[in-house]
Amino acid sequence: MFEININIVNPMKHEKNLDVVLLTFLSSIGYLPRIDPQRDFDTAIKSVPYVLFKECFLERGERWWSVDELLAYLKTTRPTLYRHLNKLKSLDILEEKQEGMNKRYRLRYGDLAKAWTFVEANVNLAMQNYRMMVEHISSLVRR
């Protein structure tokens, strides 16, 4: 299942603080909850989902992580880790490979910009399907 929030956002091209831009981006697409940057910034950048995305997948894009490695790095529980992995998988930006009995994860192609092409393709497909439904609904109403 593909799932993303779509919001019109400022691309923040002049912002130099990676954490500010990344928090805004991740919350706008629905991976992280909306935050009040003035109040929740320090908590948000230390949160498990943020550290998972930024430190594990974004900054170490070439690395494949096992669940056990992620659990040790993040110092979190298995259910919490899987909740956030599943959110990223629903965005279709994670790739997964099987090694024996273990799965390993990383951003698609080890690169956010390349991984994002999958998100865009899914959004385009979803919009085309909505367009066909709207046209069908309109034709049914005209009957």
C-alpha atoms as a PDB file:
ATOM      1  CA  MET A   1       0.000   0.000   0.000  1.00  0.00           C
ATOM      2  CA  PHE A   2       1.292   3.427  -0.949  1.00  0.00           C
ATOM      3  CA  GLU A   3       0.460   6.287   1.378  1.00  0.00           C
ATOM      4  CA  ILE A   4       1.660   9.887   1.488  1.00  0.00           C
ATOM      5  CA  ASN A   5       0.326  13.259   2.598  1.00  0.00           C
ATOM      6  CA  ILE A   6       0.357  15.892  -0.115  1.00  0.00           C
ATOM      7  CA  ASN A   7       0.742  19.492   1.019  1.00  0.00           C
ATOM      8  CA  ILE A   8       1.883  22.628  -0.711  1.00  0.00           C
ATOM      9  CA  VAL A   9       5.026  23.602   1.149  1.00  0.00           C
ATOM     10  CA  ASN A  10       7.778  26.146   0.874  1.00  0.00           C
ATOM     11  CA  PRO A  11      10.810  24.273  -0.542  1.00  0.00           C
ATOM     12  CA  MET A  12      13.015  26.147   1.952  1.00  0.00           C
ATOM     13  CA  LYS A  13      15.882  26.450  -0.545  1.00  0.00           C
ATOM     14  CA  HIS A  14      17.570  29.192   1.484  1.00  0.00           C
ATOM     15  CA  GLU A  15      17.469  27.351   4.817  1.00  0.00           C
ATOM     16  CA  LYS A  16      20.940  26.063   5.761  1.00  0.00           C
ATOM     17  CA  ASN A  17      19.945  23.903   8.736  1.00  0.00           C
ATOM     18  CA  LEU A  18      19.430  20.332   7.525  1.00  0.00           C
ATOM     19  CA  ASP A  19      17.364  19.413  10.588  1.00  0.00           C
ATOM     20  CA  VAL A  20      14.894  22.248   9.999  1.00  0.00           C
ATOM     21  CA  VAL A  21      14.412  21.331   6.334  1.00  0.00           C
ATOM     22  CA  LEU A  22      14.306  17.586   6.956  1.00  0.00           C
ATOM     23  CA  LEU A  23      11.813  17.869   9.832  1.00  0.00           C
ATOM     24  CA  THR A  24       9.578  20.052   7.702  1.00  0.00           C
ATOM     25  CA  PHE A  25       9.805  17.638   4.795  1.00  0.00           C
ATOM     26  CA  LEU A  26       9.221  14.472   6.836  1.00  0.00           C
ATOM     27  CA  SER A  27       6.263  15.953   8.670  1.00  0.00           C
ATOM     28  CA  SER A  28       4.720  17.353   5.482  1.00  0.00           C
ATOM     29  CA  ILE A  29       4.736  13.921   3.776  1.00  0.00           C
ATOM     30  CA  GLY A  30       3.234  12.261   6.843  1.00  0.00           C
ATOM     31  CA  TYR A  31       6.224  10.274   8.084  1.00  0.00           C
ATOM     32  CA  LEU A  32       6.519  12.414  11.210  1.00  0.00           C
ATOM     33  CA  PRO A  33       3.698  14.124  13.067  1.00  0.00           C
ATOM     34  CA  ARG A  34       3.347  17.879  12.569  1.00  0.00           C
ATOM     35  CA  ILE A  35       5.532  19.744  15.013  1.00  0.00           C
ATOM     36  CA  ASP A  36       5.763  23.225  16.406  1.00  0.00           C
ATOM     37  CA  PRO A  37       9.410  24.024  15.579  1.00  0.00           C
ATOM     38  CA  GLN A  38       9.654  26.532  18.418  1.00  0.00           C
ATOM     39  CA  ARG A  39       8.485  24.039  21.034  1.00  0.00           C
ATOM     40  CA  ASP A  40       9.231  20.535  19.732  1.00  0.00           C
ATOM     41  CA  PHE A  41      12.410  20.874  17.672  1.00  0.00           C
ATOM     42  CA  ASP A  42      14.883  19.359  20.145  1.00  0.00           C
ATOM     43  CA  THR A  43      12.560  16.464  20.950  1.00  0.00           C
ATOM     44  CA  ALA A  44      11.826  15.810  17.273  1.00  0.00           C
ATOM     45  CA  ILE A  45      15.466  15.588  16.169  1.00  0.00           C
ATOM     46  CA  LYS A  46      16.130  13.028  18.914  1.00  0.00           C
ATOM     47  CA  SER A  47      13.058  10.930  18.131  1.00  0.00           C
ATOM     48  CA  VAL A  48      13.421   7.360  16.880  1.00  0.00           C
ATOM     49  CA  PRO A  49      11.751   7.946  13.490  1.00  0.00           C
ATOM     50  CA  TYR A  50      13.859  11.024  12.798  1.00  0.00           C
ATOM     51  CA  VAL A  51      17.165   9.408  13.804  1.00  0.00           C
ATOM     52  CA  LEU A  52      16.235   6.307  11.807  1.00  0.00           C
ATOM     53  CA  PHE A  53      15.646   8.341   8.687  1.00  0.00           C
ATOM     54  CA  LYS A  54      18.441  10.883   9.023  1.00  0.00           C
ATOM     55  CA  GLU A  55      21.316   8.998  10.620  1.00  0.00           C
ATOM     56  CA  CYS A  56      20.682   5.476   9.404  1.00  0.00           C
ATOM     57  CA  PHE A  57      19.180   5.897   5.959  1.00  0.00           C
ATOM     58  CA  LEU A  58      20.030   9.398   4.745  1.00  0.00           C
ATOM     59  CA  GLU A  59      23.555   9.898   6.074  1.00  0.00           C
ATOM     60  CA  ARG A  60      24.576   6.262   5.550  1.00  0.00           C
ATOM     61  CA  GLY A  61      22.671   5.670   2.340  1.00  0.00           C
ATOM     62  CA  GLU A  62      24.969   3.002   0.969  1.00  0.00           C
ATOM     63  CA  ARG A  63      24.654   0.818   4.056  1.00  0.00           C
ATOM     64  CA  TRP A  64      22.154  -2.034   4.369  1.00  0.00           C
ATOM     65  CA  TRP A  65      20.853  -2.269   7.951  1.00  0.00           C
ATOM     66  CA  SER A  66      19.546  -5.392   9.634  1.00  0.00           C
ATOM     67  CA  VAL A  67      16.714  -5.107  12.133  1.00  0.00           C
ATOM     68  CA  ASP A  68      19.086  -6.058  14.951  1.00  0.00           C
ATOM     69  CA  GLU A  69      21.584  -3.376  13.910  1.00  0.00           C
ATOM     70  CA  LEU A  70      18.827  -0.769  13.788  1.00  0.00           C
ATOM     71  CA  LEU A  71      17.485  -1.860  17.181  1.00  0.00           C
ATOM     72  CA  ALA A  72      20.945  -1.543  18.730  1.00  0.00           C
ATOM     73  CA  TYR A  73      21.679   1.804  17.076  1.00  0.00           C
ATOM     74  CA  LEU A  74      18.332   3.352  17.948  1.00  0.00           C
ATOM     75  CA  LYS A  75      17.985   1.748  21.378  1.00  0.00           C
ATOM     76  CA  THR A  76      14.320   1.112  20.771  1.00  0.00           C
ATOM     77  CA  THR A  77      11.854  -1.752  20.741  1.00  0.00           C
ATOM     78  CA  ARG A  78      11.082  -4.046  17.823  1.00  0.00           C
ATOM     79  CA  PRO A  79       7.432  -2.858  17.523  1.00  0.00           C
ATOM     80  CA  THR A  80       8.542   0.781  17.440  1.00  0.00           C
ATOM     81  CA  LEU A  81      11.173   0.075  14.797  1.00  0.00           C
ATOM     82  CA  TYR A  82       8.769  -1.885  12.613  1.00  0.00           C
ATOM     83  CA  ARG A  83       6.125   0.849  12.897  1.00  0.00           C
ATOM     84  CA  HIS A  84       8.578   3.353  11.422  1.00  0.00           C
ATOM     85  CA  LEU A  85      10.024   0.959   8.851  1.00  0.00           C
ATOM     86  CA  ASN A  86       6.481   0.217   7.688  1.00  0.00           C
ATOM     87  CA  LYS A  87       5.742   3.938   7.319  1.00  0.00           C
ATOM     88  CA  LEU A  88       8.817   4.310   5.137  1.00  0.00           C
ATOM     89  CA  LYS A  89       7.907   1.205   3.175  1.00  0.00           C
ATOM     90  CA  SER A  90       4.417   2.634   2.572  1.00  0.00           C
ATOM     91  CA  LEU A  91       6.106   5.656   0.993  1.00  0.00           C
ATOM     92  CA  ASP A  92       7.970   3.199  -1.259  1.00  0.00           C
ATOM     93  CA  ILE A  93      11.365   4.760  -0.577  1.00  0.00           C
ATOM     94  CA  LEU A  94      12.908   1.835   1.279  1.00  0.00           C
ATOM     95  CA  GLU A  95      14.334  -1.198  -0.357  1.00  0.00           C
ATOM     96  CA  GLU A  96      14.548  -4.499   1.406  1.00  0.00           C
ATOM     97  CA  LYS A  97      16.696  -7.522   0.728  1.00  0.00           C
ATOM     98  CA  GLN A  98      16.670 -10.952   2.250  1.00  0.00           C
ATOM     99  CA  GLU A  99      19.949 -12.362   3.581  1.00  0.00           C
ATOM    100  CA  GLY A 100      19.332 -15.829   4.923  1.00  0.00           C
ATOM    101  CA  MET A 101      16.713 -15.457   7.624  1.00  0.00           C
ATOM    102  CA  ASN A 102      17.274 -11.708   7.991  1.00  0.00           C
ATOM    103  CA  LYS A 103      16.016  -8.699   6.083  1.00  0.00           C
ATOM    104  CA  ARG A 104      18.157  -5.654   5.511  1.00  0.00           C
ATOM    105  CA  TYR A 105      16.959  -2.150   4.673  1.00  0.00           C
ATOM    106  CA  ARG A 106      18.199   1.055   3.095  1.00  0.00           C
ATOM    107  CA  LEU A 107      16.838   3.954   1.043  1.00  0.00           C
ATOM    108  CA  ARG A 108      16.200   2.862  -2.549  1.00  0.00           C
ATOM    109  CA  TYR A 109      19.483   3.024  -4.433  1.00  0.00           C
ATOM    110  CA  GLY A 110      21.050   4.381  -1.236  1.00  0.00           C
ATOM    111  CA  ASP A 111      20.009   7.882  -2.288  1.00  0.00           C
ATOM    112  CA  LEU A 112      16.993   9.992  -1.324  1.00  0.00           C
ATOM    113  CA  ALA A 113      16.768  11.816  -4.661  1.00  0.00           C
ATOM    114  CA  LYS A 114      16.706   8.534  -6.584  1.00  0.00           C
ATOM    115  CA  ALA A 115      14.301   6.939  -4.104  1.00  0.00           C
ATOM    116  CA  TRP A 116      11.961   9.908  -4.467  1.00  0.00           C
ATOM    117  CA  THR A 117      11.335   9.025  -8.117  1.00  0.00           C
ATOM    118  CA  PHE A 118       9.358   6.006  -6.856  1.00  0.00           C
ATOM    119  CA  VAL A 119       7.225   8.278  -4.686  1.00  0.00           C
ATOM    120  CA  GLU A 120       6.550  10.598  -7.611  1.00  0.00           C
ATOM    121  CA  ALA A 121       5.606   7.675  -9.856  1.00  0.00           C
ATOM    122  CA  ASN A 122       3.160   6.403  -7.232  1.00  0.00           C
ATOM    123  CA  VAL A 123       1.631   9.850  -6.774  1.00  0.00           C
ATOM    124  CA  ASN A 124       1.207  10.212 -10.537  1.00  0.00           C
ATOM    125  CA  LEU A 125      -0.461   6.803 -10.776  1.00  0.00           C
ATOM    126  CA  ALA A 126      -2.772   7.615  -7.855  1.00  0.00           C
ATOM    127  CA  MET A 127      -3.755  10.930  -9.446  1.00  0.00           C
ATOM    128  CA  GLN A 128      -4.469   9.239 -12.775  1.00  0.00           C
ATOM    129  CA  ASN A 129      -6.685   6.709 -11.005  1.00  0.00           C
ATOM    130  CA  TYR A 130      -8.520   9.485  -9.174  1.00  0.00           C
ATOM    131  CA  ARG A 131      -9.019  11.293 -12.487  1.00  0.00           C
ATOM    132  CA  MET A 132     -10.573   8.144 -14.002  1.00  0.00           C
ATOM    133  CA  MET A 133     -12.858   7.773 -10.981  1.00  0.00           C
ATOM    134  CA  VAL A 134     -13.942  11.417 -11.212  1.00  0.00           C
ATOM    135  CA  GLU A 135     -14.709  11.005 -14.894  1.00  0.00           C
ATOM    136  CA  HIS A 136     -16.655   7.819 -14.169  1.00  0.00           C
ATOM    137  CA  ILE A 137     -18.604   9.486 -11.350  1.00  0.00           C
ATOM    138  CA  SER A 138     -19.407  12.392 -13.653  1.00  0.00           C
ATOM    139  CA  SER A 139     -20.647  10.018 -16.350  1.00  0.00           C
ATOM    140  CA  LEU A 140     -22.818   8.177 -13.836  1.00  0.00           C
ATOM    141  CA  VAL A 141     -24.347  11.450 -12.636  1.00  0.00           C
ATOM    142  CA  ARG A 142     -25.145  12.508 -16.228  1.00  0.00           C
ATOM    143  CA  ARG A 143     -27.157   9.295 -16.861  1.00  0.00           C
END
